[in-house]
């Protein structure tokens, strides 16, 4: 009979579960802290409902209308952006998708 060692199975389980464990502290630490004090210091959402495409996580980007996981990955990979219109000029998103989110995204730069 084939006898499997516990060490390789443990390593496999940790390899699979590592991204889950890495993501939990970030979400669990934000809930116990006082949200009223933490929200003004968040750079990903400078205005209510706005998402900073230069600093937002994939999860934050996916909150935008029509944004898929693949689109969020492309946005992150194409950073940095000088203005939100670069999502179309860099061919990250088609114009039809950009039209849905253009009022909800920012680059974190002040407009001149």
PDB file of N, CA and C in Angstrom:
ATOM      1  N   UNK A   1       0.820  -1.182   0.000  1.00  0.00           N
ATOM      2  CA  UNK A   1       0.000   0.000   0.000  1.00  0.00           C
ATOM      3  C   UNK A   1       0.869   1.252   0.000  1.00  0.00           C
ATOM      4  N   UNK A   2       0.333   2.273  -0.591  1.00  0.00           N
ATOM      5  CA  UNK A   2       1.020   3.552  -0.650  1.00  0.00           C
ATOM      6  C   UNK A   2       0.806   4.289   0.664  1.00  0.00           C
ATOM      7  N   UNK A   3       1.904   4.629   1.306  1.00  0.00           N
ATOM      8  CA  UNK A   3       1.810   5.323   2.579  1.00  0.00           C
ATOM      9  C   UNK A   3       2.333   6.737   2.388  1.00  0.00           C
ATOM     10  N   UNK A   4       1.480   7.724   2.627  1.00  0.00           N
ATOM     11  CA  UNK A   4       1.859   9.113   2.437  1.00  0.00           C
ATOM     12  C   UNK A   4       2.381   9.699   3.739  1.00  0.00           C
ATOM     13  N   UNK A   5       3.427  10.460   3.611  1.00  0.00           N
ATOM     14  CA  UNK A   5       3.979  11.150   4.767  1.00  0.00           C
ATOM     15  C   UNK A   5       3.113  12.350   5.105  1.00  0.00           C
ATOM     16  N   UNK A   6       3.003  12.693   6.353  1.00  0.00           N
ATOM     17  CA  UNK A   6       2.173  13.822   6.764  1.00  0.00           C
ATOM     18  C   UNK A   6       2.818  15.156   6.415  1.00  0.00           C
ATOM     19  N   UNK A   7       4.137  15.221   6.357  1.00  0.00           N
ATOM     20  CA  UNK A   7       4.816  16.483   6.077  1.00  0.00           C
ATOM     21  C   UNK A   7       4.456  17.041   4.702  1.00  0.00           C
ATOM     22  N   UNK A   8       4.563  16.277   3.615  1.00  0.00           N
ATOM     23  CA  UNK A   8       4.192  16.842   2.308  1.00  0.00           C
ATOM     24  C   UNK A   8       2.725  17.274   2.238  1.00  0.00           C
ATOM     25  N   UNK A   9       1.836  16.527   2.881  1.00  0.00           N
ATOM     26  CA  UNK A   9       0.427  16.911   2.878  1.00  0.00           C
ATOM     27  C   UNK A   9       0.224  18.208   3.654  1.00  0.00           C
ATOM     28  N   UNK A  10       0.944  18.366   4.732  1.00  0.00           N
ATOM     29  CA  UNK A  10       0.847  19.606   5.506  1.00  0.00           C
ATOM     30  C   UNK A  10       1.347  20.786   4.698  1.00  0.00           C
ATOM     31  N   UNK A  11       2.454  20.600   3.995  1.00  0.00           N
ATOM     32  CA  UNK A  11       2.994  21.675   3.165  1.00  0.00           C
ATOM     33  C   UNK A  11       2.031  22.039   2.046  1.00  0.00           C
ATOM     34  N   UNK A  12       1.409  21.032   1.454  1.00  0.00           N
ATOM     35  CA  UNK A  12       0.429  21.283   0.405  1.00  0.00           C
ATOM     36  C   UNK A  12      -0.760  22.067   0.955  1.00  0.00           C
ATOM     37  N   UNK A  13      -1.245  21.674   2.117  1.00  0.00           N
ATOM     38  CA  UNK A  13      -2.382  22.369   2.718  1.00  0.00           C
ATOM     39  C   UNK A  13      -2.028  23.821   3.042  1.00  0.00           C
ATOM     40  N   UNK A  14      -0.843  24.069   3.561  1.00  0.00           N
ATOM     41  CA  UNK A  14      -0.423  25.429   3.872  1.00  0.00           C
ATOM     42  C   UNK A  14      -0.245  26.262   2.610  1.00  0.00           C
ATOM     43  N   UNK A  15       0.252  25.642   1.559  1.00  0.00           N
ATOM     44  CA  UNK A  15       0.432  26.351   0.296  1.00  0.00           C
ATOM     45  C   UNK A  15      -0.910  26.795  -0.276  1.00  0.00           C
ATOM     46  N   UNK A  16      -1.894  25.939  -0.170  1.00  0.00           N
ATOM     47  CA  UNK A  16      -3.219  26.266  -0.679  1.00  0.00           C
ATOM     48  C   UNK A  16      -3.896  27.304   0.201  1.00  0.00           C
ATOM     49  N   UNK A  17      -3.728  27.189   1.516  1.00  0.00           N
ATOM     50  CA  UNK A  17      -4.434  28.056   2.454  1.00  0.00           C
ATOM     51  C   UNK A  17      -3.714  29.377   2.725  1.00  0.00           C
ATOM     52  N   UNK A  18      -2.465  29.521   2.323  1.00  0.00           N
ATOM     53  CA  UNK A  18      -1.687  30.723   2.636  1.00  0.00           C
ATOM     54  C   UNK A  18      -2.361  32.012   2.167  1.00  0.00           C
ATOM     55  N   UNK A  19      -2.881  32.095   0.943  1.00  0.00           N
ATOM     56  CA  UNK A  19      -3.540  33.350   0.544  1.00  0.00           C
ATOM     57  C   UNK A  19      -4.760  33.679   1.402  1.00  0.00           C
ATOM     58  N   UNK A  20      -5.456  32.665   1.857  1.00  0.00           N
ATOM     59  CA  UNK A  20      -6.626  32.892   2.707  1.00  0.00           C
ATOM     60  C   UNK A  20      -6.185  33.443   4.049  1.00  0.00           C
ATOM     61  N   UNK A  21      -5.143  32.848   4.625  1.00  0.00           N
ATOM     62  CA  UNK A  21      -4.643  33.320   5.910  1.00  0.00           C
ATOM     63  C   UNK A  21      -4.062  34.725   5.787  1.00  0.00           C
ATOM     64  N   UNK A  22      -3.432  35.025   4.686  1.00  0.00           N
ATOM     65  CA  UNK A  22      -2.836  36.345   4.493  1.00  0.00           C
ATOM     66  C   UNK A  22      -3.918  37.418   4.367  1.00  0.00           C
ATOM     67  N   UNK A  23      -5.052  37.087   3.801  1.00  0.00           N
ATOM     68  CA  UNK A  23      -6.120  38.058   3.593  1.00  0.00           C
ATOM     69  C   UNK A  23      -6.931  38.311   4.858  1.00  0.00           C
ATOM     70  N   UNK A  24      -7.029  37.346   5.754  1.00  0.00           N
ATOM     71  CA  UNK A  24      -7.864  37.490   6.938  1.00  0.00           C
ATOM     72  C   UNK A  24      -7.436  38.617   7.869  1.00  0.00           C
ATOM     73  N   UNK A  25      -6.157  38.792   8.214  1.00  0.00           N
ATOM     74  CA  UNK A  25      -5.799  39.854   9.150  1.00  0.00           C
ATOM     75  C   UNK A  25      -6.167  41.255   8.645  1.00  0.00           C
ATOM     76  N   UNK A  26      -6.059  41.479   7.358  1.00  0.00           N
ATOM     77  CA  UNK A  26      -6.374  42.798   6.819  1.00  0.00           C
ATOM     78  C   UNK A  26      -7.845  43.123   7.016  1.00  0.00           C
ATOM     79  N   UNK A  27      -8.727  42.148   6.793  1.00  0.00           N
ATOM     80  CA  UNK A  27     -10.150  42.406   6.948  1.00  0.00           C
ATOM     81  C   UNK A  27     -10.563  42.365   8.401  1.00  0.00           C
ATOM     82  N   UNK A  28      -9.984  41.478   9.197  1.00  0.00           N
ATOM     83  CA  UNK A  28     -10.407  41.366  10.583  1.00  0.00           C
ATOM     84  C   UNK A  28      -9.875  42.512  11.435  1.00  0.00           C
ATOM     85  N   UNK A  29      -8.743  43.110  11.088  1.00  0.00           N
ATOM     86  CA  UNK A  29      -8.215  44.206  11.888  1.00  0.00           C
ATOM     87  C   UNK A  29      -8.961  45.503  11.636  1.00  0.00           C
ATOM     88  N   UNK A  30      -9.593  45.651  10.477  1.00  0.00           N
ATOM     89  CA  UNK A  30     -10.317  46.893  10.214  1.00  0.00           C
ATOM     90  C   UNK A  30     -11.661  46.919  10.933  1.00  0.00           C
ATOM     91  N   UNK A  31     -12.277  45.765  11.172  1.00  0.00           N
ATOM     92  CA  UNK A  31     -13.576  45.733  11.823  1.00  0.00           C
ATOM     93  C   UNK A  31     -13.508  46.063  13.315  1.00  0.00           C
ATOM     94  N   UNK A  32     -12.568  45.510  14.089  1.00  0.00           N
ATOM     95  CA  UNK A  32     -12.552  45.829  15.507  1.00  0.00           C
ATOM     96  C   UNK A  32     -12.144  47.267  15.810  1.00  0.00           C
ATOM     97  N   UNK A  33     -11.343  47.875  14.964  1.00  0.00           N
ATOM     98  CA  UNK A  33     -10.909  49.242  15.229  1.00  0.00           C
ATOM     99  C   UNK A  33     -12.070  50.207  15.020  1.00  0.00           C
ATOM    100  N   UNK A  34     -11.899  51.408  15.474  1.00  0.00           N
ATOM    101  CA  UNK A  34     -12.949  52.400  15.368  1.00  0.00           C
ATOM    102  C   UNK A  34     -13.039  52.889  13.926  1.00  0.00           C
ATOM    103  N   UNK A  35     -14.119  52.558  13.190  1.00  0.00           N
ATOM    104  CA  UNK A  35     -14.220  52.947  11.791  1.00  0.00           C
ATOM    105  C   UNK A  35     -14.287  54.456  11.593  1.00  0.00           C
ATOM    106  N   UNK A  36     -14.836  55.196  12.525  1.00  0.00           N
ATOM    107  CA  UNK A  36     -14.961  56.637  12.359  1.00  0.00           C
ATOM    108  C   UNK A  36     -13.592  57.304  12.289  1.00  0.00           C
ATOM    109  N   UNK A  37     -12.601  56.770  13.002  1.00  0.00           N
ATOM    110  CA  UNK A  37     -11.271  57.362  12.992  1.00  0.00           C
ATOM    111  C   UNK A  37     -10.448  56.902  11.797  1.00  0.00           C
ATOM    112  N   UNK A  38     -10.697  55.669  11.304  1.00  0.00           N
ATOM    113  CA  UNK A  38      -9.896  55.116  10.215  1.00  0.00           C
ATOM    114  C   UNK A  38     -10.328  55.586   8.836  1.00  0.00           C
ATOM    115  N   UNK A  39     -11.591  55.855   8.599  1.00  0.00           N
ATOM    116  CA  UNK A  39     -12.058  56.180   7.266  1.00  0.00           C
ATOM    117  C   UNK A  39     -11.480  57.469   6.691  1.00  0.00           C
ATOM    118  N   UNK A  40     -11.253  58.554   7.451  1.00  0.00           N
ATOM    119  CA  UNK A  40     -10.682  59.748   6.833  1.00  0.00           C
ATOM    120  C   UNK A  40      -9.246  59.553   6.362  1.00  0.00           C
ATOM    121  N   UNK A  41      -8.534  58.589   6.914  1.00  0.00           N
ATOM    122  CA  UNK A  41      -7.139  58.368   6.553  1.00  0.00           C
ATOM    123  C   UNK A  41      -6.962  57.386   5.407  1.00  0.00           C
ATOM    124  N   UNK A  42      -8.030  56.817   4.902  1.00  0.00           N
ATOM    125  CA  UNK A  42      -7.958  55.848   3.815  1.00  0.00           C
ATOM    126  C   UNK A  42      -7.643  56.570   2.512  1.00  0.00           C
ATOM    127  N   UNK A  43      -6.601  56.135   1.803  1.00  0.00           N
ATOM    128  CA  UNK A  43      -6.222  56.786   0.557  1.00  0.00           C
ATOM    129  C   UNK A  43      -6.995  56.237  -0.635  1.00  0.00           C
ATOM    130  N   UNK A  44      -7.567  55.028  -0.519  1.00  0.00           N
ATOM    131  CA  UNK A  44      -8.262  54.429  -1.644  1.00  0.00           C
ATOM    132  C   UNK A  44      -9.618  55.082  -1.910  1.00  0.00           C
ATOM    133  N   UNK A  45     -10.176  55.783  -0.944  1.00  0.00           N
ATOM    134  CA  UNK A  45     -11.469  56.419  -1.134  1.00  0.00           C
ATOM    135  C   UNK A  45     -11.445  57.840  -0.575  1.00  0.00           C
ATOM    136  N   UNK A  46     -10.830  58.801  -1.314  1.00  0.00           N
ATOM    137  CA  UNK A  46     -10.729  60.151  -0.812  1.00  0.00           C
ATOM    138  C   UNK A  46     -12.070  60.847  -0.671  1.00  0.00           C
ATOM    139  N   UNK A  47     -13.044  60.530  -1.506  1.00  0.00           N
ATOM    140  CA  UNK A  47     -14.386  61.082  -1.411  1.00  0.00           C
ATOM    141  C   UNK A  47     -15.337  59.909  -1.249  1.00  0.00           C
ATOM    142  N   UNK A  48     -16.499  60.182  -0.707  1.00  0.00           N
ATOM    143  CA  UNK A  48     -17.483  59.115  -0.505  1.00  0.00           C
ATOM    144  C   UNK A  48     -17.817  58.457  -1.845  1.00  0.00           C
ATOM    145  N   UNK A  49     -17.662  57.162  -1.913  1.00  0.00           N
ATOM    146  CA  UNK A  49     -17.978  56.420  -3.128  1.00  0.00           C
ATOM    147  C   UNK A  49     -16.900  56.441  -4.195  1.00  0.00           C
ATOM    148  N   UNK A  50     -15.810  57.165  -3.982  1.00  0.00           N
ATOM    149  CA  UNK A  50     -14.733  57.259  -4.967  1.00  0.00           C
ATOM    150  C   UNK A  50     -13.698  56.168  -4.712  1.00  0.00           C
ATOM    151  N   UNK A  51     -13.104  55.648  -5.785  1.00  0.00           N
ATOM    152  CA  UNK A  51     -12.062  54.632  -5.692  1.00  0.00           C
ATOM    153  C   UNK A  51     -10.820  55.175  -6.388  1.00  0.00           C
ATOM    154  N   UNK A  52      -9.705  55.185  -5.678  1.00  0.00           N
ATOM    155  CA  UNK A  52      -8.429  55.639  -6.231  1.00  0.00           C
ATOM    156  C   UNK A  52      -7.794  54.482  -7.004  1.00  0.00           C
ATOM    157  N   UNK A  53      -7.753  54.596  -8.325  1.00  0.00           N
ATOM    158  CA  UNK A  53      -7.253  53.496  -9.151  1.00  0.00           C
ATOM    159  C   UNK A  53      -5.749  53.277  -8.999  1.00  0.00           C
ATOM    160  N   UNK A  54      -5.032  54.232  -8.418  1.00  0.00           N
ATOM    161  CA  UNK A  54      -3.603  54.055  -8.197  1.00  0.00           C
ATOM    162  C   UNK A  54      -3.291  53.325  -6.894  1.00  0.00           C
ATOM    163  N   UNK A  55      -4.227  53.284  -5.961  1.00  0.00           N
ATOM    164  CA  UNK A  55      -3.969  52.681  -4.657  1.00  0.00           C
ATOM    165  C   UNK A  55      -4.949  51.599  -4.234  1.00  0.00           C
ATOM    166  N   UNK A  56      -6.066  51.458  -4.928  1.00  0.00           N
ATOM    167  CA  UNK A  56      -7.112  50.523  -4.514  1.00  0.00           C
ATOM    168  C   UNK A  56      -6.674  49.074  -4.703  1.00  0.00           C
ATOM    169  N   UNK A  57      -7.185  48.226  -3.836  1.00  0.00           N
ATOM    170  CA  UNK A  57      -6.952  46.792  -3.965  1.00  0.00           C
ATOM    171  C   UNK A  57      -7.915  46.233  -5.005  1.00  0.00           C
ATOM    172  N   UNK A  58      -7.692  44.991  -5.402  1.00  0.00           N
ATOM    173  CA  UNK A  58      -8.578  44.346  -6.365  1.00  0.00           C
ATOM    174  C   UNK A  58      -9.999  44.255  -5.815  1.00  0.00           C
ATOM    175  N   UNK A  59     -10.124  44.009  -4.534  1.00  0.00           N
ATOM    176  CA  UNK A  59     -11.448  43.918  -3.911  1.00  0.00           C
ATOM    177  C   UNK A  59     -12.163  45.262  -4.001  1.00  0.00           C
ATOM    178  N   UNK A  60     -11.445  46.347  -3.745  1.00  0.00           N
ATOM    179  CA  UNK A  60     -12.047  47.678  -3.833  1.00  0.00           C
ATOM    180  C   UNK A  60     -12.418  48.016  -5.270  1.00  0.00           C
ATOM    181  N   UNK A  61     -11.576  47.639  -6.220  1.00  0.00           N
ATOM    182  CA  UNK A  61     -11.884  47.909  -7.628  1.00  0.00           C
ATOM    183  C   UNK A  61     -13.111  47.134  -8.085  1.00  0.00           C
ATOM    184  N   UNK A  62     -13.282  45.921  -7.575  1.00  0.00           N
ATOM    185  CA  UNK A  62     -14.423  45.099  -7.979  1.00  0.00           C
ATOM    186  C   UNK A  62     -15.748  45.638  -7.464  1.00  0.00           C
ATOM    187  N   UNK A  63     -15.718  46.631  -6.562  1.00  0.00           N
ATOM    188  CA  UNK A  63     -16.967  47.246  -6.110  1.00  0.00           C
ATOM    189  C   UNK A  63     -17.526  48.205  -7.151  1.00  0.00           C
ATOM    190  N   UNK A  64     -16.732  48.542  -8.149  1.00  0.00           N
ATOM    191  CA  UNK A  64     -17.190  49.441  -9.214  1.00  0.00           C
ATOM    192  C   UNK A  64     -18.142  48.691 -10.145  1.00  0.00           C
ATOM    193  N   UNK A  65     -19.139  49.368 -10.708  1.00  0.00           N
ATOM    194  CA  UNK A  65     -20.109  48.709 -11.589  1.00  0.00           C
ATOM    195  C   UNK A  65     -19.449  48.068 -12.809  1.00  0.00           C
ATOM    196  N   UNK A  66     -19.728  46.783 -13.032  1.00  0.00           N
ATOM    197  CA  UNK A  66     -19.235  46.070 -14.201  1.00  0.00           C
ATOM    198  C   UNK A  66     -17.780  45.634 -14.120  1.00  0.00           C
ATOM    199  N   UNK A  67     -17.090  45.917 -13.027  1.00  0.00           N
ATOM    200  CA  UNK A  67     -15.667  45.579 -12.891  1.00  0.00           C
ATOM    201  C   UNK A  67     -15.534  44.104 -12.507  1.00  0.00           C
ATOM    202  N   UNK A  68     -14.825  43.347 -13.352  1.00  0.00           N
ATOM    203  CA  UNK A  68     -14.585  41.939 -13.071  1.00  0.00           C
ATOM    204  C   UNK A  68     -13.221  41.773 -12.401  1.00  0.00           C
ATOM    205  N   UNK A  69     -12.953  40.574 -11.957  1.00  0.00           N
ATOM    206  CA  UNK A  69     -11.655  40.295 -11.330  1.00  0.00           C
ATOM    207  C   UNK A  69     -10.524  40.498 -12.347  1.00  0.00           C
ATOM    208  N   UNK A  70     -10.755  40.097 -13.582  1.00  0.00           N
ATOM    209  CA  UNK A  70      -9.737  40.264 -14.632  1.00  0.00           C
ATOM    210  C   UNK A  70      -9.508  41.752 -14.925  1.00  0.00           C
ATOM    211  N   UNK A  71     -10.584  42.536 -14.954  1.00  0.00           N
ATOM    212  CA  UNK A  71     -10.452  43.980 -15.175  1.00  0.00           C
ATOM    213  C   UNK A  71      -9.670  44.625 -14.038  1.00  0.00           C
ATOM    214  N   UNK A  72      -9.972  44.237 -12.805  1.00  0.00           N
ATOM    215  CA  UNK A  72      -9.267  44.784 -11.648  1.00  0.00           C
ATOM    216  C   UNK A  72      -7.777  44.460 -11.725  1.00  0.00           C
ATOM    217  N   UNK A  73      -7.440  43.244 -12.142  1.00  0.00           N
ATOM    218  CA  UNK A  73      -6.036  42.859 -12.277  1.00  0.00           C
ATOM    219  C   UNK A  73      -5.339  43.701 -13.344  1.00  0.00           C
ATOM    220  N   UNK A  74      -6.042  43.987 -14.447  1.00  0.00           N
ATOM    221  CA  UNK A  74      -5.453  44.818 -15.503  1.00  0.00           C
ATOM    222  C   UNK A  74      -5.243  46.250 -15.030  1.00  0.00           C
ATOM    223  N   UNK A  75      -6.192  46.768 -14.250  1.00  0.00           N
ATOM    224  CA  UNK A  75      -6.059  48.124 -13.715  1.00  0.00           C
ATOM    225  C   UNK A  75      -4.837  48.201 -12.807  1.00  0.00           C
ATOM    226  N   UNK A  76      -4.674  47.220 -11.943  1.00  0.00           N
ATOM    227  CA  UNK A  76      -3.539  47.195 -11.017  1.00  0.00           C
ATOM    228  C   UNK A  76      -2.227  47.077 -11.787  1.00  0.00           C
ATOM    229  N   UNK A  77      -2.202  46.232 -12.806  1.00  0.00           N
ATOM    230  CA  UNK A  77      -0.981  46.022 -13.588  1.00  0.00           C
ATOM    231  C   UNK A  77      -0.585  47.262 -14.391  1.00  0.00           C
ATOM    232  N   UNK A  78      -1.557  48.087 -14.789  1.00  0.00           N
ATOM    233  CA  UNK A  78      -1.283  49.259 -15.617  1.00  0.00           C
ATOM    234  C   UNK A  78      -0.891  50.505 -14.840  1.00  0.00           C
ATOM    235  N   UNK A  79      -0.773  50.406 -13.540  1.00  0.00           N
ATOM    236  CA  UNK A  79      -0.427  51.571 -12.708  1.00  0.00           C
ATOM    237  C   UNK A  79       0.954  52.077 -12.993  1.00  0.00           C
ATOM    238  N   UNK A  80       1.236  53.333 -12.779  1.00  0.00           N
ATOM    239  CA  UNK A  80       0.400  54.410 -12.263  1.00  0.00           C
ATOM    240  C   UNK A  80      -0.341  55.125 -13.380  1.00  0.00           C
ATOM    241  N   UNK A  81      -1.398  55.821 -12.992  1.00  0.00           N
ATOM    242  CA  UNK A  81      -2.218  56.599 -13.915  1.00  0.00           C
ATOM    243  C   UNK A  81      -2.157  58.065 -13.532  1.00  0.00           C
ATOM    244  N   UNK A  82      -2.061  58.933 -14.526  1.00  0.00           N
ATOM    245  CA  UNK A  82      -2.092  60.382 -14.267  1.00  0.00           C
ATOM    246  C   UNK A  82      -3.523  60.878 -14.185  1.00  0.00           C
ATOM    247  N   UNK A  83      -4.411  60.281 -14.989  1.00  0.00           N
ATOM    248  CA  UNK A  83      -5.834  60.584 -14.880  1.00  0.00           C
ATOM    249  C   UNK A  83      -6.629  59.342 -15.268  1.00  0.00           C
ATOM    250  N   UNK A  84      -7.881  59.323 -14.842  1.00  0.00           N
ATOM    251  CA  UNK A  84      -8.714  58.136 -15.010  1.00  0.00           C
ATOM    252  C   UNK A  84      -8.931  57.777 -16.484  1.00  0.00           C
ATOM    253  N   UNK A  85      -8.864  58.764 -17.382  1.00  0.00           N
ATOM    254  CA  UNK A  85      -9.044  58.507 -18.809  1.00  0.00           C
ATOM    255  C   UNK A  85      -7.997  57.571 -19.397  1.00  0.00           C
ATOM    256  N   UNK A  86      -6.890  57.412 -18.700  1.00  0.00           N
ATOM    257  CA  UNK A  86      -5.844  56.502 -19.172  1.00  0.00           C
ATOM    258  C   UNK A  86      -6.298  55.042 -19.158  1.00  0.00           C
ATOM    259  N   UNK A  87      -7.358  54.745 -18.433  1.00  0.00           N
ATOM    260  CA  UNK A  87      -7.891  53.376 -18.458  1.00  0.00           C
ATOM    261  C   UNK A  87      -8.333  53.010 -19.872  1.00  0.00           C
ATOM    262  N   UNK A  88      -8.805  54.003 -20.619  1.00  0.00           N
ATOM    263  CA  UNK A  88      -9.226  53.772 -22.002  1.00  0.00           C
ATOM    264  C   UNK A  88      -8.035  53.900 -22.943  1.00  0.00           C
ATOM    265  N   UNK A  89      -7.205  54.940 -22.764  1.00  0.00           N
ATOM    266  CA  UNK A  89      -6.090  55.157 -23.689  1.00  0.00           C
ATOM    267  C   UNK A  89      -5.036  54.058 -23.595  1.00  0.00           C
ATOM    268  N   UNK A  90      -4.865  53.477 -22.419  1.00  0.00           N
ATOM    269  CA  UNK A  90      -3.932  52.358 -22.253  1.00  0.00           C
ATOM    270  C   UNK A  90      -4.582  51.017 -22.586  1.00  0.00           C
ATOM    271  N   UNK A  91      -5.851  51.070 -23.025  1.00  0.00           N
ATOM    272  CA  UNK A  91      -6.631  49.890 -23.404  1.00  0.00           C
ATOM    273  C   UNK A  91      -6.790  48.903 -22.254  1.00  0.00           C
ATOM    274  N   UNK A  92      -6.968  49.441 -21.049  1.00  0.00           N
ATOM    275  CA  UNK A  92      -7.245  48.620 -19.878  1.00  0.00           C
ATOM    276  C   UNK A  92      -8.727  48.252 -19.870  1.00  0.00           C
ATOM    277  N   UNK A  93      -9.578  49.242 -20.159  1.00  0.00           N
ATOM    278  CA  UNK A  93     -11.024  49.044 -20.207  1.00  0.00           C
ATOM    279  C   UNK A  93     -11.574  49.618 -21.505  1.00  0.00           C
ATOM    280  N   UNK A  94     -12.635  49.011 -22.043  1.00  0.00           N
ATOM    281  CA  UNK A  94     -13.298  49.617 -23.205  1.00  0.00           C
ATOM    282  C   UNK A  94     -14.079  50.856 -22.763  1.00  0.00           C
ATOM    283  N   UNK A  95     -14.339  51.754 -23.697  1.00  0.00           N
ATOM    284  CA  UNK A  95     -15.040  53.000 -23.385  1.00  0.00           C
ATOM    285  C   UNK A  95     -16.401  52.757 -22.730  1.00  0.00           C
ATOM    286  N   UNK A  96     -17.102  51.709 -23.156  1.00  0.00           N
ATOM    287  CA  UNK A  96     -18.431  51.432 -22.587  1.00  0.00           C
ATOM    288  C   UNK A  96     -18.337  51.104 -21.094  1.00  0.00           C
ATOM    289  N   UNK A  97     -17.317  50.351 -20.676  1.00  0.00           N
ATOM    290  CA  UNK A  97     -17.141  50.044 -19.259  1.00  0.00           C
ATOM    291  C   UNK A  97     -16.655  51.266 -18.498  1.00  0.00           C
ATOM    292  N   UNK A  98     -15.768  52.043 -19.103  1.00  0.00           N
ATOM    293  CA  UNK A  98     -15.255  53.238 -18.442  1.00  0.00           C
ATOM    294  C   UNK A  98     -16.373  54.236 -18.186  1.00  0.00           C
ATOM    295  N   UNK A  99     -17.324  54.324 -19.119  1.00  0.00           N
ATOM    296  CA  UNK A  99     -18.444  55.255 -18.955  1.00  0.00           C
ATOM    297  C   UNK A  99     -19.254  54.933 -17.700  1.00  0.00           C
ATOM    298  N   UNK A 100     -19.324  53.654 -17.318  1.00  0.00           N
ATOM    299  CA  UNK A 100     -20.073  53.244 -16.130  1.00  0.00           C
ATOM    300  C   UNK A 100     -19.387  53.672 -14.838  1.00  0.00           C
ATOM    301  N   UNK A 101     -18.054  53.788 -14.856  1.00  0.00           N
ATOM    302  CA  UNK A 101     -17.316  54.032 -13.607  1.00  0.00           C
ATOM    303  C   UNK A 101     -16.629  55.391 -13.538  1.00  0.00           C
ATOM    304  N   UNK A 102     -16.646  56.168 -14.616  1.00  0.00           N
ATOM    305  CA  UNK A 102     -15.838  57.394 -14.676  1.00  0.00           C
ATOM    306  C   UNK A 102     -16.143  58.382 -13.563  1.00  0.00           C
ATOM    307  N   UNK A 103     -17.371  58.412 -13.066  1.00  0.00           N
ATOM    308  CA  UNK A 103     -17.732  59.338 -11.996  1.00  0.00           C
ATOM    309  C   UNK A 103     -17.362  58.810 -10.610  1.00  0.00           C
ATOM    310  N   UNK A 104     -16.897  57.570 -10.544  1.00  0.00           N
ATOM    311  CA  UNK A 104     -16.572  56.961  -9.256  1.00  0.00           C
ATOM    312  C   UNK A 104     -15.091  56.656  -9.073  1.00  0.00           C
ATOM    313  N   UNK A 105     -14.252  57.030 -10.049  1.00  0.00           N
ATOM    314  CA  UNK A 105     -12.807  56.760  -9.929  1.00  0.00           C
ATOM    315  C   UNK A 105     -12.005  58.045  -9.889  1.00  0.00           C
ATOM    316  N   UNK A 106     -10.882  57.960  -9.212  1.00  0.00           N
ATOM    317  CA  UNK A 106      -9.947  59.072  -9.129  1.00  0.00           C
ATOM    318  C   UNK A 106      -8.538  58.485  -9.165  1.00  0.00           C
ATOM    319  N   UNK A 107      -7.559  59.345  -9.419  1.00  0.00           N
ATOM    320  CA  UNK A 107      -6.169  58.884  -9.425  1.00  0.00           C
ATOM    321  C   UNK A 107      -5.414  59.344  -8.194  1.00  0.00           C
ATOM    322  N   UNK A 108      -6.066  60.117  -7.356  1.00  0.00           N
ATOM    323  CA  UNK A 108      -5.416  60.607  -6.151  1.00  0.00           C
ATOM    324  C   UNK A 108      -4.614  61.868  -6.396  1.00  0.00           C
ATOM    325  N   UNK A 109      -4.476  62.273  -7.652  1.00  0.00           N
ATOM    326  CA  UNK A 109      -3.771  63.512  -7.982  1.00  0.00           C
ATOM    327  C   UNK A 109      -4.789  64.645  -8.005  1.00  0.00           C
ATOM    328  N   UNK A 110      -4.376  65.811  -7.561  1.00  0.00           N
ATOM    329  CA  UNK A 110      -5.287  66.955  -7.657  1.00  0.00           C
ATOM    330  C   UNK A 110      -5.310  67.437  -9.088  1.00  0.00           C
ATOM    331  N   UNK A 111      -6.479  67.856  -9.546  1.00  0.00           N
ATOM    332  CA  UNK A 111      -6.605  68.328 -10.936  1.00  0.00           C
ATOM    333  C   UNK A 111      -6.073  69.733 -11.060  1.00  0.00           C
ATOM    334  N   UNK A 112      -5.370  70.003 -12.152  1.00  0.00           N
ATOM    335  CA  UNK A 112      -4.783  71.335 -12.373  1.00  0.00           C
ATOM    336  C   UNK A 112      -5.763  72.234 -13.068  1.00  0.00           C
TER     337      UNK A 112
END
